Amino acid sequence: MWDAHGSGDDVRDVREVPQEGARTPLTAEEELRSRSVFATEIGAQLARQGWAVFPAHTPEERIRLFAVARIIERRLGCRVEAVPEDICSMRFTVASAGAAYEVGPAAGAPGQLEY
């Protein structure tokens, strides 16, 4: 990553910024807090319009959002589906009453993201 200091296009003001190591995993408390905040945000959007899209760029984020869907289900009292919309986001929808219950996409299902 590069960082430019000063004004203008003077290349002498450009230096390489040292990158930190790999992402630091969340503590158990931080994980619970983030899931709660995500559930509140996504749940409010679901309650308003019946669907929501939320960013999920890594396998860890997608796993977290599957757990968030379960939290929202308990809060709203209805079934919530969380499925990958594309490689960068998850789509949450309030499921119809007769739909079968699944925690996430079945292994090998069409459109399933490879980790």
Protein backbone atom coordinates (compact mmCIF):
# COMPACT_ATOMS: atom_id res chain seq x y z
CA MET A 1 0.00 0.00 0.00
CA TRP A 2 1.28 3.46 -0.84
CA ASP A 3 0.73 6.68 1.02
CA ALA A 4 1.34 10.16 -0.37
CA HIS A 5 2.25 12.99 1.96
CA GLY A 6 2.25 16.66 1.13
CA SER A 7 0.71 18.30 -1.87
CA GLY A 8 1.32 17.91 -5.55
CA ASP A 9 2.70 14.96 -7.47
CA ASP A 10 6.18 15.00 -5.99
CA VAL A 11 7.30 11.34 -5.90
CA ARG A 12 9.67 12.11 -3.06
CA ASP A 13 6.58 12.40 -0.83
CA VAL A 14 5.41 8.84 -1.56
CA ARG A 15 6.43 6.05 0.77
CA GLU A 16 5.42 2.46 1.37
CA VAL A 17 3.19 1.98 4.42
CA PRO A 18 4.04 -1.15 6.39
CA GLN A 19 1.14 -3.60 6.44
CA GLU A 20 0.03 -5.20 9.64
CA GLY A 21 -0.06 -9.00 9.85
CA ALA A 22 -3.13 -11.04 9.07
CA ARG A 23 -6.48 -9.98 10.44
CA THR A 24 -6.77 -10.27 14.17
CA PRO A 25 -9.62 -12.56 15.17
CA LEU A 26 -12.34 -11.05 17.32
CA THR A 27 -12.55 -11.92 20.98
CA ALA A 28 -15.67 -13.80 22.09
CA GLU A 29 -17.14 -10.57 23.47
CA GLU A 30 -16.38 -8.63 20.28
CA GLU A 31 -17.94 -11.40 18.19
CA LEU A 32 -21.16 -11.28 20.24
CA ARG A 33 -21.30 -7.50 19.99
CA SER A 34 -20.75 -7.48 16.23
CA ARG A 35 -23.40 -10.17 15.69
CA SER A 36 -25.85 -8.19 17.83
CA VAL A 37 -25.21 -4.96 15.93
CA PHE A 38 -25.52 -6.73 12.57
CA ALA A 39 -28.74 -8.44 13.70
CA THR A 40 -30.22 -5.09 14.75
CA GLU A 41 -29.31 -3.42 11.45
CA ILE A 42 -30.33 -6.29 9.18
CA GLY A 43 -33.42 -7.11 11.27
CA ALA A 44 -34.69 -3.53 11.00
CA GLN A 45 -34.33 -3.62 7.23
CA LEU A 46 -36.07 -7.02 7.07
CA ALA A 47 -38.94 -5.71 9.18
CA ARG A 48 -39.33 -2.71 6.83
CA GLN A 49 -39.05 -4.37 3.44
CA GLY A 50 -38.82 -8.16 3.89
CA TRP A 51 -35.25 -8.45 2.56
CA ALA A 52 -31.75 -7.06 3.12
CA VAL A 53 -28.32 -7.36 1.52
CA PHE A 54 -25.20 -7.17 3.68
CA PRO A 55 -21.52 -7.30 2.68
CA ALA A 56 -19.61 -10.54 3.30
CA HIS A 57 -16.18 -10.69 1.71
CA THR A 58 -14.62 -13.61 3.58
CA PRO A 59 -15.73 -17.08 4.64
CA GLU A 60 -15.60 -15.90 8.28
CA GLU A 61 -17.99 -13.04 7.50
CA ARG A 62 -20.42 -15.39 5.74
CA ILE A 63 -20.35 -17.81 8.69
CA ARG A 64 -20.99 -14.89 11.03
CA LEU A 65 -23.97 -13.79 8.94
CA PHE A 66 -25.53 -17.28 9.01
CA ALA A 67 -25.41 -17.00 12.83
CA VAL A 68 -26.89 -13.49 12.59
CA ALA A 69 -29.84 -14.91 10.63
CA ARG A 70 -30.59 -17.23 13.57
CA ILE A 71 -30.49 -14.24 15.99
CA ILE A 72 -32.91 -12.31 13.77
CA GLU A 73 -35.24 -15.33 13.63
CA ARG A 74 -35.47 -15.36 17.41
CA ARG A 75 -36.09 -11.60 17.53
CA LEU A 76 -38.69 -11.47 14.74
CA GLY A 77 -40.30 -14.82 15.49
CA CYS A 78 -40.20 -15.95 11.87
CA ARG A 79 -37.83 -17.87 9.63
CA VAL A 80 -35.03 -15.88 8.00
CA GLU A 81 -32.93 -17.17 5.10
CA ALA A 82 -29.36 -16.01 4.54
CA VAL A 83 -27.91 -16.99 1.16
CA PRO A 84 -24.90 -15.76 -0.81
CA GLU A 85 -26.08 -13.20 -3.35
CA ASP A 86 -22.67 -12.91 -4.99
CA ILE A 87 -19.04 -13.25 -3.91
CA CYS A 88 -19.26 -10.07 -1.82
CA SER A 89 -22.66 -10.15 -0.14
CA MET A 90 -25.36 -12.16 1.61
CA ARG A 91 -29.07 -11.72 1.00
CA PHE A 92 -31.49 -12.04 3.90
CA THR A 93 -35.17 -12.71 3.32
CA VAL A 94 -38.13 -13.52 5.49
CA ALA A 95 -39.09 -17.02 4.39
CA SER A 96 -42.63 -18.09 3.57
CA ALA A 97 -44.41 -20.12 6.25
CA GLY A 98 -44.27 -23.44 4.34
CA ALA A 99 -40.57 -23.35 3.40
CA ALA A 100 -38.23 -26.04 4.72
CA TYR A 101 -35.77 -24.94 7.40
CA GLU A 102 -32.05 -24.89 6.52
CA VAL A 103 -29.16 -23.31 8.39
CA GLY A 104 -27.28 -22.42 5.20
CA PRO A 105 -26.78 -23.57 1.64
CA ALA A 106 -26.43 -27.32 1.26
CA ALA A 107 -22.97 -28.62 0.40
CA GLY A 108 -22.54 -28.68 -3.35
CA ALA A 109 -25.65 -26.59 -3.94
CA PRO A 110 -25.70 -24.54 -7.15
CA GLY A 111 -24.32 -21.08 -6.56
CA GLN A 112 -22.55 -22.08 -3.34
CA LEU A 113 -19.36 -20.15 -2.77
CA GLU A 114 -16.17 -22.18 -2.59
CA TYR A 115 -13.97 -21.35 0.40
